[in-house]
């Protein structure tokens, strides 16, 4: 993965996690983290709904 990263543009202000590659992929790692966070929130909400059902509320 790291070998694909274009070294032309690495913004020191944001850090090396965020990069612009030759393909124009920006913030890919950030997008993956966001997707993981979203799915975790969805599963928490689902679990709460199941708990309410089984409690007879």
PDB file of N, CA and C in Angstrom:
ATOM      1  N   UNK A   1       0.844  -1.204   0.000  1.00  0.00           N
ATOM      2  CA  UNK A   1       0.000   0.000   0.000  1.00  0.00           C
ATOM      3  C   UNK A   1       0.877   1.252   0.000  1.00  0.00           C
ATOM      4  N   UNK A   2       1.858   1.272   0.890  1.00  0.00           N
ATOM      5  CA  UNK A   2       2.678   2.468   1.030  1.00  0.00           C
ATOM      6  C   UNK A   2       3.472   2.751  -0.248  1.00  0.00           C
ATOM      7  N   UNK A   3       3.826   1.688  -0.972  1.00  0.00           N
ATOM      8  CA  UNK A   3       4.609   1.889  -2.187  1.00  0.00           C
ATOM      9  C   UNK A   3       3.805   2.608  -3.266  1.00  0.00           C
ATOM     10  N   UNK A   4       2.477   2.495  -3.220  1.00  0.00           N
ATOM     11  CA  UNK A   4       1.626   3.131  -4.223  1.00  0.00           C
ATOM     12  C   UNK A   4       1.519   4.639  -4.000  1.00  0.00           C
ATOM     13  N   UNK A   5       1.812   5.080  -2.803  1.00  0.00           N
ATOM     14  CA  UNK A   5       1.637   6.491  -2.463  1.00  0.00           C
ATOM     15  C   UNK A   5       2.603   7.359  -3.263  1.00  0.00           C
ATOM     16  N   UNK A   6       2.061   8.362  -3.901  1.00  0.00           N
ATOM     17  CA  UNK A   6       2.900   9.311  -4.627  1.00  0.00           C
ATOM     18  C   UNK A   6       3.585  10.228  -3.631  1.00  0.00           C
ATOM     19  N   UNK A   7       4.876  10.413  -3.797  1.00  0.00           N
ATOM     20  CA  UNK A   7       5.613  11.240  -2.838  1.00  0.00           C
ATOM     21  C   UNK A   7       5.627  12.707  -3.254  1.00  0.00           C
ATOM     22  N   UNK A   8       4.970  13.043  -4.378  1.00  0.00           N
ATOM     23  CA  UNK A   8       4.944  14.437  -4.842  1.00  0.00           C
ATOM     24  C   UNK A   8       4.267  15.314  -3.800  1.00  0.00           C
ATOM     25  N   UNK A   9       3.198  14.795  -3.182  1.00  0.00           N
ATOM     26  CA  UNK A   9       2.382  15.648  -2.323  1.00  0.00           C
ATOM     27  C   UNK A   9       2.101  14.938  -1.013  1.00  0.00           C
ATOM     28  N   UNK A  10       2.789  15.349   0.018  1.00  0.00           N
ATOM     29  CA  UNK A  10       2.440  14.916   1.368  1.00  0.00           C
ATOM     30  C   UNK A  10       2.376  16.183   2.208  1.00  0.00           C
ATOM     31  N   UNK A  11       1.220  16.467   2.725  1.00  0.00           N
ATOM     32  CA  UNK A  11       1.035  17.712   3.461  1.00  0.00           C
ATOM     33  C   UNK A  11       1.500  17.526   4.903  1.00  0.00           C
ATOM     34  N   UNK A  12       2.556  18.205   5.304  1.00  0.00           N
ATOM     35  CA  UNK A  12       3.053  18.021   6.668  1.00  0.00           C
ATOM     36  C   UNK A  12       2.079  18.520   7.731  1.00  0.00           C
ATOM     37  N   UNK A  13       1.202  19.435   7.361  1.00  0.00           N
ATOM     38  CA  UNK A  13       0.256  19.977   8.330  1.00  0.00           C
ATOM     39  C   UNK A  13      -0.759  18.916   8.743  1.00  0.00           C
ATOM     40  N   UNK A  14      -1.144  18.074   7.802  1.00  0.00           N
ATOM     41  CA  UNK A  14      -2.166  17.077   8.088  1.00  0.00           C
ATOM     42  C   UNK A  14      -1.531  15.775   8.539  1.00  0.00           C
ATOM     43  N   UNK A  15      -0.348  15.484   8.049  1.00  0.00           N
ATOM     44  CA  UNK A  15       0.323  14.249   8.416  1.00  0.00           C
ATOM     45  C   UNK A  15       0.352  13.281   7.252  1.00  0.00           C
ATOM     46  N   UNK A  16       1.216  12.297   7.356  1.00  0.00           N
ATOM     47  CA  UNK A  16       1.457  11.400   6.229  1.00  0.00           C
ATOM     48  C   UNK A  16       0.315  10.424   6.008  1.00  0.00           C
ATOM     49  N   UNK A  17      -0.635  10.370   6.940  1.00  0.00           N
ATOM     50  CA  UNK A  17      -1.790   9.484   6.733  1.00  0.00           C
ATOM     51  C   UNK A  17      -2.599   9.943   5.537  1.00  0.00           C
ATOM     52  N   UNK A  18      -2.656  11.248   5.329  1.00  0.00           N
ATOM     53  CA  UNK A  18      -3.471  11.798   4.259  1.00  0.00           C
ATOM     54  C   UNK A  18      -2.572  12.086   3.077  1.00  0.00           C
ATOM     55  N   UNK A  19      -2.905  11.543   1.939  1.00  0.00           N
ATOM     56  CA  UNK A  19      -2.022  11.689   0.793  1.00  0.00           C
ATOM     57  C   UNK A  19      -2.831  11.801  -0.480  1.00  0.00           C
ATOM     58  N   UNK A  20      -2.191  12.315  -1.507  1.00  0.00           N
ATOM     59  CA  UNK A  20      -2.815  12.353  -2.822  1.00  0.00           C
ATOM     60  C   UNK A  20      -1.937  11.509  -3.730  1.00  0.00           C
ATOM     61  N   UNK A  21      -2.469  10.413  -4.234  1.00  0.00           N
ATOM     62  CA  UNK A  21      -1.682   9.538  -5.093  1.00  0.00           C
ATOM     63  C   UNK A  21      -1.876   9.943  -6.542  1.00  0.00           C
ATOM     64  N   UNK A  22      -1.163   9.279  -7.428  1.00  0.00           N
ATOM     65  CA  UNK A  22      -1.276   9.562  -8.854  1.00  0.00           C
ATOM     66  C   UNK A  22      -2.695   9.301  -9.346  1.00  0.00           C
ATOM     67  N   UNK A  23      -3.398   8.395  -8.697  1.00  0.00           N
ATOM     68  CA  UNK A  23      -4.770   8.077  -9.090  1.00  0.00           C
ATOM     69  C   UNK A  23      -5.774   9.061  -8.504  1.00  0.00           C
ATOM     70  N   UNK A  24      -5.319   9.978  -7.699  1.00  0.00           N
ATOM     71  CA  UNK A  24      -6.218  10.959  -7.104  1.00  0.00           C
ATOM     72  C   UNK A  24      -6.987  10.425  -5.914  1.00  0.00           C
ATOM     73  N   UNK A  25      -6.469   9.378  -5.305  1.00  0.00           N
ATOM     74  CA  UNK A  25      -7.139   8.846  -4.125  1.00  0.00           C
ATOM     75  C   UNK A  25      -6.705   9.659  -2.915  1.00  0.00           C
ATOM     76  N   UNK A  26      -7.650  10.321  -2.302  1.00  0.00           N
ATOM     77  CA  UNK A  26      -7.329  11.199  -1.183  1.00  0.00           C
ATOM     78  C   UNK A  26      -8.063  10.696   0.059  1.00  0.00           C
ATOM     79  N   UNK A  27      -7.379  10.738   1.170  1.00  0.00           N
ATOM     80  CA  UNK A  27      -7.995  10.388   2.458  1.00  0.00           C
ATOM     81  C   UNK A  27      -8.583   8.977   2.448  1.00  0.00           C
ATOM     82  N   UNK A  28      -7.930   8.053   1.747  1.00  0.00           N
ATOM     83  CA  UNK A  28      -8.504   6.704   1.654  1.00  0.00           C
ATOM     84  C   UNK A  28      -8.591   6.053   3.030  1.00  0.00           C
ATOM     85  N   UNK A  29      -7.525   6.190   3.803  1.00  0.00           N
ATOM     86  CA  UNK A  29      -7.508   5.585   5.125  1.00  0.00           C
ATOM     87  C   UNK A  29      -8.626   6.167   5.982  1.00  0.00           C
ATOM     88  N   UNK A  30      -8.824   7.471   5.876  1.00  0.00           N
ATOM     89  CA  UNK A  30      -9.860   8.152   6.626  1.00  0.00           C
ATOM     90  C   UNK A  30     -11.240   7.628   6.244  1.00  0.00           C
ATOM     91  N   UNK A  31     -11.456   7.399   4.942  1.00  0.00           N
ATOM     92  CA  UNK A  31     -12.745   6.894   4.472  1.00  0.00           C
ATOM     93  C   UNK A  31     -13.006   5.501   5.022  1.00  0.00           C
ATOM     94  N   UNK A  32     -11.962   4.677   5.071  1.00  0.00           N
ATOM     95  CA  UNK A  32     -12.116   3.328   5.619  1.00  0.00           C
ATOM     96  C   UNK A  32     -12.486   3.398   7.097  1.00  0.00           C
ATOM     97  N   UNK A  33     -11.816   4.269   7.831  1.00  0.00           N
ATOM     98  CA  UNK A  33     -12.130   4.416   9.253  1.00  0.00           C
ATOM     99  C   UNK A  33     -13.560   4.895   9.449  1.00  0.00           C
ATOM    100  N   UNK A  34     -13.999   5.827   8.613  1.00  0.00           N
ATOM    101  CA  UNK A  34     -15.355   6.346   8.718  1.00  0.00           C
ATOM    102  C   UNK A  34     -16.370   5.237   8.466  1.00  0.00           C
ATOM    103  N   UNK A  35     -16.121   4.403   7.464  1.00  0.00           N
ATOM    104  CA  UNK A  35     -17.023   3.294   7.155  1.00  0.00           C
ATOM    105  C   UNK A  35     -17.091   2.314   8.321  1.00  0.00           C
ATOM    106  N   UNK A  36     -15.942   2.037   8.936  1.00  0.00           N
ATOM    107  CA  UNK A  36     -15.925   1.126  10.076  1.00  0.00           C
ATOM    108  C   UNK A  36     -16.694   1.716  11.247  1.00  0.00           C
ATOM    109  N   UNK A  37     -16.516   2.997  11.485  1.00  0.00           N
ATOM    110  CA  UNK A  37     -17.211   3.680  12.570  1.00  0.00           C
ATOM    111  C   UNK A  37     -18.718   3.631  12.339  1.00  0.00           C
ATOM    112  N   UNK A  38     -19.145   3.886  11.096  1.00  0.00           N
ATOM    113  CA  UNK A  38     -20.564   3.884  10.756  1.00  0.00           C
ATOM    114  C   UNK A  38     -21.176   2.515  11.006  1.00  0.00           C
ATOM    115  N   UNK A  39     -20.501   1.449  10.560  1.00  0.00           N
ATOM    116  CA  UNK A  39     -21.058   0.116  10.743  1.00  0.00           C
ATOM    117  C   UNK A  39     -21.119  -0.250  12.219  1.00  0.00           C
ATOM    118  N   UNK A  40     -20.167   0.255  13.014  1.00  0.00           N
ATOM    119  CA  UNK A  40     -20.197  -0.028  14.448  1.00  0.00           C
ATOM    120  C   UNK A  40     -21.397   0.660  15.094  1.00  0.00           C
ATOM    121  N   UNK A  41     -21.671   1.898  14.697  1.00  0.00           N
ATOM    122  CA  UNK A  41     -22.820   2.627  15.231  1.00  0.00           C
ATOM    123  C   UNK A  41     -24.114   1.909  14.864  1.00  0.00           C
ATOM    124  N   UNK A  42     -24.210   1.458  13.612  1.00  0.00           N
ATOM    125  CA  UNK A  42     -25.414   0.748  13.162  1.00  0.00           C
ATOM    126  C   UNK A  42     -25.637  -0.499  14.005  1.00  0.00           C
ATOM    127  N   UNK A  43     -24.575  -1.256  14.278  1.00  0.00           N
ATOM    128  CA  UNK A  43     -24.743  -2.483  15.048  1.00  0.00           C
ATOM    129  C   UNK A  43     -25.132  -2.175  16.492  1.00  0.00           C
ATOM    130  N   UNK A  44     -24.640  -1.072  17.048  1.00  0.00           N
ATOM    131  CA  UNK A  44     -25.026  -0.681  18.406  1.00  0.00           C
ATOM    132  C   UNK A  44     -26.510  -0.353  18.452  1.00  0.00           C
ATOM    133  N   UNK A  45     -26.981   0.411  17.467  1.00  0.00           N
ATOM    134  CA  UNK A  45     -28.402   0.771  17.410  1.00  0.00           C
ATOM    135  C   UNK A  45     -29.254  -0.485  17.266  1.00  0.00           C
ATOM    136  N   UNK A  46     -28.813  -1.407  16.422  1.00  0.00           N
ATOM    137  CA  UNK A  46     -29.553  -2.649  16.218  1.00  0.00           C
ATOM    138  C   UNK A  46     -29.622  -3.438  17.519  1.00  0.00           C
ATOM    139  N   UNK A  47     -28.507  -3.497  18.243  1.00  0.00           N
ATOM    140  CA  UNK A  47     -28.478  -4.236  19.504  1.00  0.00           C
ATOM    141  C   UNK A  47     -29.413  -3.614  20.530  1.00  0.00           C
ATOM    142  N   UNK A  48     -29.468  -2.290  20.570  1.00  0.00           N
ATOM    143  CA  UNK A  48     -30.366  -1.613  21.510  1.00  0.00           C
ATOM    144  C   UNK A  48     -31.822  -1.924  21.169  1.00  0.00           C
ATOM    145  N   UNK A  49     -32.147  -1.947  19.870  1.00  0.00           N
ATOM    146  CA  UNK A  49     -33.514  -2.248  19.450  1.00  0.00           C
ATOM    147  C   UNK A  49     -33.886  -3.677  19.836  1.00  0.00           C
ATOM    148  N   UNK A  50     -32.956  -4.609  19.651  1.00  0.00           N
ATOM    149  CA  UNK A  50     -33.207  -6.005  20.028  1.00  0.00           C
ATOM    150  C   UNK A  50     -33.423  -6.122  21.538  1.00  0.00           C
ATOM    151  N   UNK A  51     -32.641  -5.389  22.307  1.00  0.00           N
ATOM    152  CA  UNK A  51     -32.753  -5.449  23.764  1.00  0.00           C
ATOM    153  C   UNK A  51     -34.116  -4.932  24.217  1.00  0.00           C
ATOM    154  N   UNK A  52     -34.597  -3.863  23.568  1.00  0.00           N
ATOM    155  CA  UNK A  52     -35.910  -3.320  23.921  1.00  0.00           C
ATOM    156  C   UNK A  52     -37.008  -4.331  23.604  1.00  0.00           C
ATOM    157  N   UNK A  53     -36.889  -4.995  22.454  1.00  0.00           N
ATOM    158  CA  UNK A  53     -37.892  -5.993  22.071  1.00  0.00           C
ATOM    159  C   UNK A  53     -37.946  -7.120  23.096  1.00  0.00           C
ATOM    160  N   UNK A  54     -36.777  -7.643  23.479  1.00  0.00           N
ATOM    161  CA  UNK A  54     -36.750  -8.782  24.391  1.00  0.00           C
ATOM    162  C   UNK A  54     -37.175  -8.374  25.800  1.00  0.00           C
ATOM    163  N   UNK A  55     -37.070  -7.082  26.118  1.00  0.00           N
ATOM    164  CA  UNK A  55     -37.511  -6.599  27.421  1.00  0.00           C
ATOM    165  C   UNK A  55     -39.026  -6.390  27.431  1.00  0.00           C
ATOM    166  N   UNK A  56     -39.650  -6.474  26.269  1.00  0.00           N
ATOM    167  CA  UNK A  56     -41.094  -6.336  26.167  1.00  0.00           C
ATOM    168  C   UNK A  56     -41.546  -4.892  26.187  1.00  0.00           C
ATOM    169  N   UNK A  57     -40.671  -3.965  25.835  1.00  0.00           N
ATOM    170  CA  UNK A  57     -41.031  -2.545  25.870  1.00  0.00           C
ATOM    171  C   UNK A  57     -41.806  -2.184  24.624  1.00  0.00           C
TER     172      UNK A  57
END
